[in-house]
Amino acid sequence: MMQDDWKAEEEAFAALSRERPPSRFLEERTVRALKERGLIRSSPLRLSSPWMAATAVAASIALFAGGVALGQWIGARQTVNAVVALYPDGPERAAARVQQTGSAHTAALAALVAAADSAGAGDVLQAREVAVAALWAAAAEVIRLAPDDPLAARILQAFERQAEARSSAEGERNVVWF
């Protein structure tokens, strides 16, 4: 019988709400008490003069620009680390890879010329476009490597003249590439 009494009391206790809602004016009393103790201000910060406002704007711009510069610096450093990780042997090894790839490209072009006699006109045209695009990309990379290289500059100028002539022959088209 005593256990049944406890069980009823436990059920009644469990049925009670766990939280008691605060009174309506608790927030106001709390804020007033914090103001009296000087823990919060009674009014928001106001910029009393135009000079203070200008200084605040300049400081925020400087902080933003500093963040952008820091982000750029960190990004550049990570890119350099990634390139070093890809080519751990240094620029000599990268130059050897370029030489090897260039030789393979030249051999592929020679095979293409040999096959051009037996291929159809469409195949030859497509192969020529691929070869020209590769040469154009290689010349652009040489310009990035050595901006004063006159041979690469002339090759790029010839490609640009050809592209302009082709676009004027086809008629003016506005194409936006993404």
N, C-alpha and C. Protein backbone atom coordinates (compact mmCIF):
# COMPACT_ATOMS: atom_id res chain seq x y z
N MET A 1 0.81 -1.19 0.00
CA MET A 1 0.00 0.00 0.00
C MET A 1 0.86 1.25 0.00
N MET A 2 1.95 1.18 0.71
CA MET A 2 2.81 2.35 0.76
C MET A 2 3.45 2.62 -0.59
N GLN A 3 3.75 1.55 -1.31
CA GLN A 3 4.34 1.73 -2.62
C GLN A 3 3.34 2.36 -3.58
N ASP A 4 2.10 2.02 -3.47
CA ASP A 4 1.08 2.63 -4.31
C ASP A 4 0.95 4.11 -4.04
N ASP A 5 1.11 4.51 -2.78
CA ASP A 5 1.05 5.93 -2.43
C ASP A 5 2.22 6.67 -3.07
N TRP A 6 3.40 6.07 -3.01
CA TRP A 6 4.56 6.70 -3.62
C TRP A 6 4.39 6.83 -5.13
N LYS A 7 3.86 5.80 -5.71
CA LYS A 7 3.68 5.82 -7.15
C LYS A 7 2.73 6.94 -7.57
N ALA A 8 1.68 7.14 -6.85
CA ALA A 8 0.73 8.20 -7.15
C ALA A 8 1.38 9.57 -6.99
N GLU A 9 2.20 9.72 -5.93
CA GLU A 9 2.89 11.00 -5.72
C GLU A 9 3.95 11.24 -6.80
N GLU A 10 4.63 10.18 -7.21
CA GLU A 10 5.62 10.33 -8.28
C GLU A 10 4.96 10.72 -9.58
N GLU A 11 3.79 10.14 -9.88
CA GLU A 11 3.08 10.51 -11.08
C GLU A 11 2.61 11.95 -11.02
N ALA A 12 2.16 12.39 -9.86
CA ALA A 12 1.73 13.78 -9.70
C ALA A 12 2.93 14.71 -9.86
N PHE A 13 4.08 14.30 -9.32
CA PHE A 13 5.29 15.12 -9.45
C PHE A 13 5.74 15.19 -10.91
N ALA A 14 5.66 14.09 -11.62
CA ALA A 14 6.07 14.06 -13.03
C ALA A 14 5.13 14.89 -13.89
N ALA A 15 3.89 15.03 -13.46
CA ALA A 15 2.93 15.80 -14.24
C ALA A 15 3.14 17.31 -14.11
N LEU A 16 3.92 17.72 -13.10
CA LEU A 16 4.18 19.16 -12.94
C LEU A 16 5.02 19.68 -14.10
N SER A 17 4.85 20.95 -14.46
CA SER A 17 5.64 21.54 -15.55
C SER A 17 7.09 21.69 -15.10
N ARG A 18 7.99 21.53 -16.04
CA ARG A 18 9.42 21.57 -15.73
C ARG A 18 9.93 23.02 -15.63
N GLU A 19 9.30 23.91 -16.33
CA GLU A 19 9.74 25.30 -16.34
C GLU A 19 8.59 26.18 -15.90
N ARG A 20 8.98 27.27 -15.29
CA ARG A 20 7.99 28.24 -14.88
C ARG A 20 8.22 29.50 -15.70
N PRO A 21 7.23 29.98 -16.41
CA PRO A 21 7.45 31.19 -17.22
C PRO A 21 7.75 32.38 -16.34
N PRO A 22 8.74 33.21 -16.77
CA PRO A 22 9.07 34.39 -15.95
C PRO A 22 7.94 35.42 -16.00
N SER A 23 7.98 36.31 -15.03
CA SER A 23 6.95 37.34 -14.99
C SER A 23 7.15 38.31 -16.15
N ARG A 24 6.14 39.11 -16.41
CA ARG A 24 6.18 40.02 -17.56
C ARG A 24 7.28 41.05 -17.45
N PHE A 25 7.57 41.45 -16.26
CA PHE A 25 8.49 42.57 -16.09
C PHE A 25 9.90 42.14 -15.68
N LEU A 26 10.18 40.85 -15.77
CA LEU A 26 11.50 40.36 -15.37
C LEU A 26 12.61 40.95 -16.25
N GLU A 27 12.41 41.00 -17.57
CA GLU A 27 13.43 41.56 -18.47
C GLU A 27 13.69 43.02 -18.15
N GLU A 28 12.63 43.79 -17.94
CA GLU A 28 12.81 45.21 -17.64
C GLU A 28 13.56 45.41 -16.33
N ARG A 29 13.23 44.63 -15.31
CA ARG A 29 13.94 44.75 -14.03
C ARG A 29 15.40 44.35 -14.18
N THR A 30 15.66 43.31 -14.96
CA THR A 30 17.05 42.86 -15.16
C THR A 30 17.86 43.92 -15.89
N VAL A 31 17.31 44.50 -16.94
CA VAL A 31 18.02 45.54 -17.70
C VAL A 31 18.27 46.76 -16.81
N ARG A 32 17.28 47.16 -16.04
CA ARG A 32 17.44 48.33 -15.15
C ARG A 32 18.54 48.06 -14.12
N ALA A 33 18.58 46.86 -13.56
CA ALA A 33 19.61 46.52 -12.58
C ALA A 33 20.99 46.52 -13.22
N LEU A 34 21.12 46.02 -14.44
CA LEU A 34 22.43 46.01 -15.12
C LEU A 34 22.88 47.43 -15.45
N LYS A 35 21.95 48.31 -15.81
CA LYS A 35 22.29 49.71 -16.07
C LYS A 35 22.76 50.40 -14.81
N GLU A 36 22.09 50.14 -13.70
CA GLU A 36 22.48 50.77 -12.44
C GLU A 36 23.87 50.35 -12.00
N ARG A 37 24.25 49.14 -12.29
CA ARG A 37 25.59 48.65 -11.93
C ARG A 37 26.65 49.05 -12.95
N GLY A 38 26.23 49.68 -14.07
CA GLY A 38 27.17 50.12 -15.08
C GLY A 38 27.65 49.02 -16.00
N LEU A 39 26.93 47.91 -16.05
CA LEU A 39 27.34 46.79 -16.89
C LEU A 39 26.88 46.94 -18.33
N ILE A 40 25.85 47.71 -18.55
CA ILE A 40 25.42 48.02 -19.92
C ILE A 40 25.12 49.50 -20.00
N ARG A 41 25.21 50.05 -21.22
CA ARG A 41 24.95 51.47 -21.42
C ARG A 41 23.45 51.70 -21.57
N SER A 42 23.08 52.91 -21.26
CA SER A 42 21.66 53.22 -21.34
C SER A 42 21.24 53.55 -22.78
N SER A 43 22.20 53.93 -23.62
CA SER A 43 21.87 54.24 -25.00
C SER A 43 22.97 53.69 -25.90
N PRO A 44 22.66 53.42 -27.15
CA PRO A 44 23.69 52.89 -28.06
C PRO A 44 24.77 53.93 -28.34
N LEU A 45 25.91 53.45 -28.81
CA LEU A 45 27.03 54.33 -29.14
C LEU A 45 26.65 55.24 -30.30
N ARG A 46 26.89 56.51 -30.12
CA ARG A 46 26.61 57.48 -31.18
C ARG A 46 27.91 58.16 -31.60
N LEU A 47 28.05 58.32 -32.89
CA LEU A 47 29.23 59.02 -33.41
C LEU A 47 28.91 60.51 -33.35
N SER A 48 29.60 61.21 -32.46
CA SER A 48 29.23 62.58 -32.16
C SER A 48 29.64 63.58 -33.23
N SER A 49 30.62 63.24 -34.06
CA SER A 49 31.06 64.20 -35.07
C SER A 49 31.26 63.49 -36.41
N PRO A 50 31.26 64.27 -37.48
CA PRO A 50 31.52 63.66 -38.79
C PRO A 50 32.91 63.03 -38.87
N TRP A 51 33.86 63.58 -38.11
CA TRP A 51 35.22 63.02 -38.13
C TRP A 51 35.24 61.61 -37.54
N MET A 52 34.45 61.41 -36.49
CA MET A 52 34.40 60.08 -35.89
C MET A 52 33.75 59.09 -36.86
N ALA A 53 32.71 59.54 -37.56
CA ALA A 53 32.06 58.68 -38.54
C ALA A 53 33.02 58.34 -39.68
N ALA A 54 33.75 59.35 -40.16
CA ALA A 54 34.72 59.12 -41.24
C ALA A 54 35.83 58.17 -40.78
N THR A 55 36.27 58.33 -39.54
CA THR A 55 37.31 57.45 -39.01
C THR A 55 36.79 56.02 -38.90
N ALA A 56 35.55 55.86 -38.47
CA ALA A 56 34.97 54.52 -38.36
C ALA A 56 34.84 53.87 -39.73
N VAL A 57 34.43 54.64 -40.74
CA VAL A 57 34.31 54.10 -42.09
C VAL A 57 35.69 53.73 -42.63
N ALA A 58 36.68 54.60 -42.42
CA ALA A 58 38.04 54.31 -42.89
C ALA A 58 38.60 53.07 -42.21
N ALA A 59 38.34 52.93 -40.92
CA ALA A 59 38.84 51.76 -40.21
C ALA A 59 38.18 50.48 -40.73
N SER A 60 36.88 50.55 -41.03
CA SER A 60 36.22 49.35 -41.54
C SER A 60 36.73 48.99 -42.94
N ILE A 61 36.99 50.00 -43.77
CA ILE A 61 37.55 49.74 -45.11
C ILE A 61 38.95 49.15 -45.00
N ALA A 62 39.75 49.70 -44.09
CA ALA A 62 41.11 49.17 -43.90
C ALA A 62 41.06 47.73 -43.39
N LEU A 63 40.13 47.43 -42.50
CA LEU A 63 40.00 46.07 -42.00
C LEU A 63 39.58 45.12 -43.12
N PHE A 64 38.63 45.54 -43.95
CA PHE A 64 38.19 44.72 -45.07
C PHE A 64 39.33 44.49 -46.06
N ALA A 65 40.04 45.56 -46.43
CA ALA A 65 41.15 45.44 -47.39
C ALA A 65 42.26 44.55 -46.82
N GLY A 66 42.51 44.68 -45.53
CA GLY A 66 43.52 43.81 -44.91
C GLY A 66 43.11 42.35 -44.97
N GLY A 67 41.83 42.08 -44.76
CA GLY A 67 41.34 40.71 -44.86
C GLY A 67 41.47 40.16 -46.27
N VAL A 68 41.16 40.99 -47.25
CA VAL A 68 41.29 40.56 -48.65
C VAL A 68 42.76 40.28 -48.97
N ALA A 69 43.65 41.18 -48.56
CA ALA A 69 45.08 41.00 -48.84
C ALA A 69 45.61 39.74 -48.16
N LEU A 70 45.20 39.52 -46.91
CA LEU A 70 45.63 38.32 -46.21
C LEU A 70 45.12 37.07 -46.91
N GLY A 71 43.87 37.09 -47.36
CA GLY A 71 43.31 35.95 -48.08
C GLY A 71 44.06 35.68 -49.37
N GLN A 72 44.40 36.73 -50.11
CA GLN A 72 45.16 36.57 -51.35
C GLN A 72 46.54 35.98 -51.07
N TRP A 73 47.18 36.47 -50.03
CA TRP A 73 48.52 35.99 -49.68
C TRP A 73 48.49 34.52 -49.30
N ILE A 74 47.50 34.15 -48.49
CA ILE A 74 47.39 32.75 -48.08
C ILE A 74 47.08 31.87 -49.28
N GLY A 75 46.19 32.34 -50.17
CA GLY A 75 45.87 31.57 -51.37
C GLY A 75 47.08 31.38 -52.27
N ALA A 76 47.86 32.44 -52.46
CA ALA A 76 49.05 32.34 -53.30
C ALA A 76 50.06 31.37 -52.68
N ARG A 77 50.21 31.43 -51.37
CA ARG A 77 51.15 30.54 -50.70
C ARG A 77 50.71 29.09 -50.85
N GLN A 78 49.40 28.83 -50.76
CA GLN A 78 48.92 27.46 -50.93
C GLN A 78 49.12 26.98 -52.36
N THR A 79 48.97 27.89 -53.34
CA THR A 79 49.18 27.52 -54.74
C THR A 79 50.64 27.14 -54.97
N VAL A 80 51.54 27.93 -54.42
CA VAL A 80 52.97 27.63 -54.57
C VAL A 80 53.28 26.28 -53.93
N ASN A 81 52.72 26.02 -52.76
CA ASN A 81 52.96 24.74 -52.10
C ASN A 81 52.41 23.58 -52.93
N ALA A 82 51.27 23.79 -53.57
CA ALA A 82 50.69 22.74 -54.41
C ALA A 82 51.57 22.46 -55.63
N VAL A 83 52.08 23.51 -56.25
CA VAL A 83 52.96 23.33 -57.42
C VAL A 83 54.24 22.63 -57.00
N VAL A 84 54.80 23.01 -55.87
CA VAL A 84 56.01 22.35 -55.39
C VAL A 84 55.73 20.87 -55.11
N ALA A 85 54.55 20.57 -54.59
CA ALA A 85 54.19 19.18 -54.32
C ALA A 85 54.04 18.40 -55.62
N LEU A 86 53.50 19.05 -56.66
CA LEU A 86 53.34 18.36 -57.95
C LEU A 86 54.68 18.11 -58.64
N TYR A 87 55.58 19.06 -58.53
CA TYR A 87 56.89 18.95 -59.17
C TYR A 87 57.99 19.03 -58.12
N PRO A 88 58.16 17.96 -57.35
CA PRO A 88 59.14 18.03 -56.27
C PRO A 88 60.59 18.06 -56.77
N ASP A 89 60.82 17.67 -58.01
CA ASP A 89 62.18 17.62 -58.53
C ASP A 89 62.69 18.96 -59.01
N GLY A 90 61.85 19.97 -59.05
CA GLY A 90 62.28 21.31 -59.44
C GLY A 90 62.00 21.62 -60.89
N PRO A 91 62.41 22.82 -61.31
CA PRO A 91 62.11 23.27 -62.67
C PRO A 91 62.83 22.45 -63.75
N GLU A 92 63.97 21.85 -63.43
CA GLU A 92 64.68 21.05 -64.43
C GLU A 92 63.83 19.86 -64.85
N ARG A 93 63.20 19.22 -63.87
CA ARG A 93 62.36 18.06 -64.16
C ARG A 93 61.12 18.50 -64.95
N ALA A 94 60.55 19.65 -64.60
CA ALA A 94 59.39 20.17 -65.34
C ALA A 94 59.78 20.47 -66.78
N ALA A 95 60.97 21.04 -66.99
CA ALA A 95 61.43 21.33 -68.35
C ALA A 95 61.61 20.04 -69.14
N ALA A 96 62.11 19.00 -68.48
CA ALA A 96 62.27 17.71 -69.16
C ALA A 96 60.91 17.14 -69.55
N ARG A 97 59.92 17.32 -68.69
CA ARG A 97 58.56 16.85 -69.02
C ARG A 97 58.00 17.62 -70.21
N VAL A 98 58.26 18.92 -70.25
CA VAL A 98 57.78 19.72 -71.39
C VAL A 98 58.45 19.23 -72.67
N GLN A 99 59.75 18.95 -72.61
CA GLN A 99 60.47 18.44 -73.78
C GLN A 99 59.89 17.11 -74.23
N GLN A 100 59.64 16.22 -73.29
CA GLN A 100 59.09 14.90 -73.62
C GLN A 100 57.70 15.03 -74.24
N THR A 101 56.87 15.88 -73.66
CA THR A 101 55.52 16.08 -74.17
C THR A 101 55.56 16.74 -75.54
N GLY A 102 56.44 17.70 -75.73
CA GLY A 102 56.58 18.36 -77.03
C GLY A 102 57.00 17.39 -78.11
N SER A 103 57.92 16.50 -77.78
CA SER A 103 58.35 15.49 -78.75
C SER A 103 57.20 14.56 -79.11
N ALA A 104 56.41 14.18 -78.11
CA ALA A 104 55.25 13.32 -78.37
C ALA A 104 54.23 14.05 -79.23
N HIS A 105 54.06 15.34 -79.00
CA HIS A 105 53.12 16.14 -79.79
C HIS A 105 53.58 16.22 -81.24
N THR A 106 54.87 16.44 -81.45
CA THR A 106 55.41 16.52 -82.80
C THR A 106 55.27 15.18 -83.52
N ALA A 107 55.52 14.09 -82.82
CA ALA A 107 55.36 12.76 -83.43
C ALA A 107 53.90 12.51 -83.80
N ALA A 108 52.99 12.94 -82.94
CA ALA A 108 51.56 12.77 -83.25
C ALA A 108 51.16 13.59 -84.46
N LEU A 109 51.69 14.80 -84.60
CA LEU A 109 51.40 15.62 -85.77
C LEU A 109 51.96 14.99 -87.04
N ALA A 110 53.15 14.39 -86.94
CA ALA A 110 53.73 13.73 -88.11
C ALA A 110 52.86 12.54 -88.53
N ALA A 111 52.36 11.80 -87.56
CA ALA A 111 51.46 10.69 -87.87
C ALA A 111 50.16 11.21 -88.48
N LEU A 112 49.71 12.36 -88.03
CA LEU A 112 48.49 12.97 -88.56
C LEU A 112 48.69 13.38 -90.02
N VAL A 113 49.84 13.95 -90.33
CA VAL A 113 50.13 14.34 -91.72
C VAL A 113 50.19 13.10 -92.61
N ALA A 114 50.79 12.03 -92.11
CA ALA A 114 50.88 10.80 -92.89
C ALA A 114 49.49 10.21 -93.13
N ALA A 115 48.63 10.33 -92.14
CA ALA A 115 47.28 9.78 -92.27
C ALA A 115 46.35 10.70 -93.04
N ALA A 116 46.74 11.95 -93.24
CA ALA A 116 45.87 12.93 -93.91
C ALA A 116 45.62 12.54 -95.36
N ASP A 117 46.57 11.86 -95.98
CA ASP A 117 46.39 11.46 -97.37
C ASP A 117 45.25 10.46 -97.52
N SER A 118 45.08 9.60 -96.53
CA SER A 118 44.03 8.58 -96.64
C SER A 118 42.75 8.97 -95.91
N ALA A 119 42.77 10.04 -95.13
CA ALA A 119 41.60 10.44 -94.37
C ALA A 119 40.68 11.32 -95.20
N GLY A 120 39.46 11.46 -94.71
CA GLY A 120 38.50 12.33 -95.38
C GLY A 120 38.78 13.78 -95.05
N ALA A 121 38.18 14.70 -95.79
CA ALA A 121 38.41 16.14 -95.61
C ALA A 121 37.98 16.61 -94.22
N GLY A 122 36.89 16.05 -93.71
CA GLY A 122 36.41 16.44 -92.38
C GLY A 122 37.38 16.05 -91.29
N ASP A 123 37.98 14.85 -91.42
CA ASP A 123 38.95 14.39 -90.44
C ASP A 123 40.20 15.26 -90.45
N VAL A 124 40.65 15.62 -91.64
CA VAL A 124 41.84 16.47 -91.77
C VAL A 124 41.58 17.84 -91.15
N LEU A 125 40.40 18.41 -91.41
CA LEU A 125 40.06 19.73 -90.86
C LEU A 125 40.00 19.69 -89.34
N GLN A 126 39.41 18.64 -88.80
CA GLN A 126 39.32 18.52 -87.34
C GLN A 126 40.71 18.36 -86.73
N ALA A 127 41.55 17.55 -87.35
CA ALA A 127 42.91 17.33 -86.85
C ALA A 127 43.71 18.63 -86.91
N ARG A 128 43.54 19.41 -87.99
CA ARG A 128 44.24 20.69 -88.10
C ARG A 128 43.80 21.63 -86.99
N GLU A 129 42.50 21.68 -86.71
CA GLU A 129 42.01 22.58 -85.66
C GLU A 129 42.57 22.19 -84.30
N VAL A 130 42.67 20.90 -84.04
CA VAL A 130 43.24 20.45 -82.77
C VAL A 130 44.71 20.85 -82.66
N ALA A 131 45.46 20.64 -83.74
CA ALA A 131 46.88 20.98 -83.74
C ALA A 131 47.08 22.48 -83.57
N VAL A 132 46.28 23.29 -84.26
CA VAL A 132 46.41 24.75 -84.16
C VAL A 132 46.05 25.22 -82.76
N ALA A 133 44.99 24.64 -82.16
CA ALA A 133 44.61 25.02 -80.80
C ALA A 133 45.72 24.70 -79.81
N ALA A 134 46.38 23.55 -79.98
CA ALA A 134 47.49 23.19 -79.10
C ALA A 134 48.65 24.15 -79.26
N LEU A 135 48.96 24.54 -80.51
CA LEU A 135 50.04 25.50 -80.75
C LEU A 135 49.71 26.85 -80.14
N TRP A 136 48.46 27.28 -80.26
CA TRP A 136 48.02 28.55 -79.70
C TRP A 136 48.17 28.53 -78.17
N ALA A 137 47.74 27.46 -77.54
CA ALA A 137 47.86 27.36 -76.07
C ALA A 137 49.32 27.33 -75.64
N ALA A 138 50.16 26.63 -76.42
CA ALA A 138 51.58 26.57 -76.08
C ALA A 138 52.22 27.96 -76.20
N ALA A 139 51.87 28.71 -77.26
CA ALA A 139 52.42 30.06 -77.43
C ALA A 139 51.97 30.97 -76.29
N ALA A 140 50.72 30.82 -75.84
CA ALA A 140 50.24 31.63 -74.72
C ALA A 140 51.02 31.32 -73.44
N GLU A 141 51.35 30.06 -73.23
CA GLU A 141 52.13 29.69 -72.04
C GLU A 141 53.57 30.20 -72.13
N VAL A 142 54.13 30.19 -73.35
CA VAL A 142 55.49 30.73 -73.52
C VAL A 142 55.49 32.22 -73.20
N ILE A 143 54.44 32.93 -73.60
CA ILE A 143 54.34 34.37 -73.29
C ILE A 143 54.27 34.58 -71.78
N ARG A 144 53.55 33.69 -71.08
CA ARG A 144 53.49 33.80 -69.62
C ARG A 144 54.85 33.53 -68.99
N LEU A 145 55.59 32.59 -69.59
CA LEU A 145 56.91 32.24 -69.06
C LEU A 145 57.93 33.33 -69.37
N ALA A 146 57.92 33.83 -70.59
CA ALA A 146 58.87 34.86 -71.03
C ALA A 146 58.10 35.93 -71.80
N PRO A 147 57.59 36.95 -71.11
CA PRO A 147 56.73 37.96 -71.76
C PRO A 147 57.41 38.71 -72.90
N ASP A 148 58.73 38.75 -72.94
CA ASP A 148 59.43 39.50 -73.98
C ASP A 148 59.84 38.63 -75.17
N ASP A 149 59.39 37.39 -75.23
CA ASP A 149 59.76 36.50 -76.32
C ASP A 149 59.09 36.96 -77.61
N PRO A 150 59.87 37.41 -78.62
CA PRO A 150 59.26 37.95 -79.84
C PRO A 150 58.61 36.88 -80.72
N LEU A 151 59.15 35.67 -80.73
CA LEU A 151 58.59 34.62 -81.57
C LEU A 151 57.18 34.23 -81.10
N ALA A 152 57.04 34.00 -79.79
CA ALA A 152 55.72 33.64 -79.25
C ALA A 152 54.74 34.80 -79.44
N ALA A 153 55.21 36.03 -79.30
CA ALA A 153 54.33 37.18 -79.50
C ALA A 153 53.83 37.23 -80.95
N ARG A 154 54.72 36.96 -81.92
CA ARG A 154 54.30 36.95 -83.32
C ARG A 154 53.32 35.82 -83.62
N ILE A 155 53.54 34.67 -83.02
CA ILE A 155 52.62 33.55 -83.22
C ILE A 155 51.23 33.91 -82.69
N LEU A 156 51.19 34.50 -81.49
CA LEU A 156 49.89 34.90 -80.92
C LEU A 156 49.23 35.98 -81.76
N GLN A 157 50.02 36.93 -82.27
CA GLN A 157 49.44 37.98 -83.12
C GLN A 157 48.85 37.37 -84.40
N ALA A 158 49.54 36.38 -84.97
CA ALA A 158 49.02 35.73 -86.17
C ALA A 158 47.71 35.00 -85.87
N PHE A 159 47.64 34.33 -84.72
CA PHE A 159 46.40 33.66 -84.33
C PHE A 159 45.27 34.67 -84.14
N GLU A 160 45.58 35.80 -83.52
CA GLU A 160 44.55 36.82 -83.30
C GLU A 160 44.07 37.41 -84.62
N ARG A 161 45.00 37.66 -85.55
CA ARG A 161 44.59 38.16 -86.87
C ARG A 161 43.70 37.15 -87.58
N GLN A 162 44.05 35.87 -87.50
CA GLN A 162 43.25 34.83 -88.13
C GLN A 162 41.87 34.76 -87.48
N ALA A 163 41.79 34.88 -86.17
CA ALA A 163 40.49 34.83 -85.49
C ALA A 163 39.64 36.04 -85.88
N GLU A 164 40.28 37.22 -86.00
CA GLU A 164 39.53 38.41 -86.42
C GLU A 164 39.04 38.27 -87.86
N ALA A 165 39.89 37.74 -88.73
CA ALA A 165 39.48 37.55 -90.13
C ALA A 165 38.35 36.54 -90.23
N ARG A 166 38.42 35.49 -89.45
CA ARG A 166 37.37 34.47 -89.47
C ARG A 166 36.05 35.05 -88.95
N SER A 167 36.12 35.86 -87.88
CA SER A 167 34.88 36.41 -87.34
C SER A 167 34.28 37.45 -88.28
N SER A 168 35.12 38.22 -89.00
CA SER A 168 34.56 39.19 -89.95
C SER A 168 34.01 38.48 -91.20
N ALA A 169 34.62 37.35 -91.57
CA ALA A 169 34.12 36.60 -92.73
C ALA A 169 32.79 35.92 -92.41
N GLU A 170 32.63 35.47 -91.17
CA GLU A 170 31.40 34.81 -90.77
C GLU A 170 30.31 35.82 -90.43
N GLY A 171 30.64 37.06 -90.36
CA GLY A 171 29.68 38.07 -89.92
C GLY A 171 29.86 38.30 -88.43
N GLU A 172 29.46 39.45 -88.00
CA GLU A 172 29.63 39.78 -86.59
C GLU A 172 28.67 38.96 -85.74
N ARG A 173 29.23 38.25 -84.80
CA ARG A 173 28.43 37.51 -83.84
C ARG A 173 28.92 37.88 -82.45
N ASN A 174 27.99 38.12 -81.57
CA ASN A 174 28.35 38.38 -80.18
C ASN A 174 28.15 37.10 -79.40
N VAL A 175 29.26 36.52 -78.97
CA VAL A 175 29.21 35.29 -78.22
C VAL A 175 29.87 35.54 -76.87
N VAL A 176 29.19 35.17 -75.84
CA VAL A 176 29.74 35.30 -74.49
C VAL A 176 30.07 33.91 -74.00
N TRP A 177 31.34 33.66 -73.71
CA TRP A 177 31.79 32.35 -73.24
C TRP A 177 31.94 32.39 -71.74
N PHE A 178 31.51 31.35 -71.10
CA PHE A 178 31.63 31.24 -69.64
C PHE A 178 32.53 30.10 -69.29
